[in-house]
Amino acid sequence: MLMTLKGGGSEEEDSESIDQANKLVKKNVEIWKT
């Protein structure tokens, strides 16, 4: 789903953005759990 939001870019940029998104998701999950 995240890849569809990104118009273009190299695979490295996509992987970096995905990693950042995963970190944000983990933070949000931790917030919801508390």
Protein backbone atom coordinates (compact mmCIF):
# COMPACT_ATOMS: atom_id res chain seq x y z
CA MET A 1 0.00 0.00 0.00
CA LEU A 2 2.81 2.41 0.84
CA MET A 3 4.48 1.84 -2.53
CA THR A 4 1.34 3.05 -4.31
CA LEU A 5 1.62 6.38 -2.46
CA LYS A 6 5.13 6.92 -3.82
CA GLY A 7 5.18 8.09 -7.44
CA GLY A 8 8.65 6.87 -8.34
CA GLY A 9 12.27 6.59 -7.28
CA SER A 10 14.92 3.92 -7.04
CA GLU A 11 14.47 0.66 -5.15
CA GLU A 12 16.83 1.96 -2.46
CA GLU A 13 14.62 4.99 -1.83
CA ASP A 14 11.53 2.78 -1.71
CA SER A 15 13.14 0.39 0.78
CA GLU A 16 14.23 3.30 2.96
CA SER A 17 10.76 4.82 2.97
CA ILE A 18 9.26 1.41 3.76
CA ASP A 19 11.70 0.97 6.66
CA GLN A 20 10.73 4.39 8.02
CA ALA A 21 7.04 3.55 7.65
CA ASN A 22 7.55 0.25 9.47
CA LYS A 23 9.22 2.11 12.34
CA LEU A 24 6.29 4.53 12.54
CA VAL A 25 3.83 1.63 12.50
CA LYS A 26 5.71 -0.06 15.34
CA LYS A 27 5.61 3.16 17.35
CA ASN A 28 1.87 3.55 16.71
CA VAL A 29 1.26 -0.08 17.71
CA GLU A 30 3.16 0.48 20.95
CA ILE A 31 1.06 3.57 21.63
CA TRP A 32 -2.18 1.67 20.99
CA LYS A 33 -1.10 -1.19 23.25
CA THR A 34 -0.48 1.14 26.18
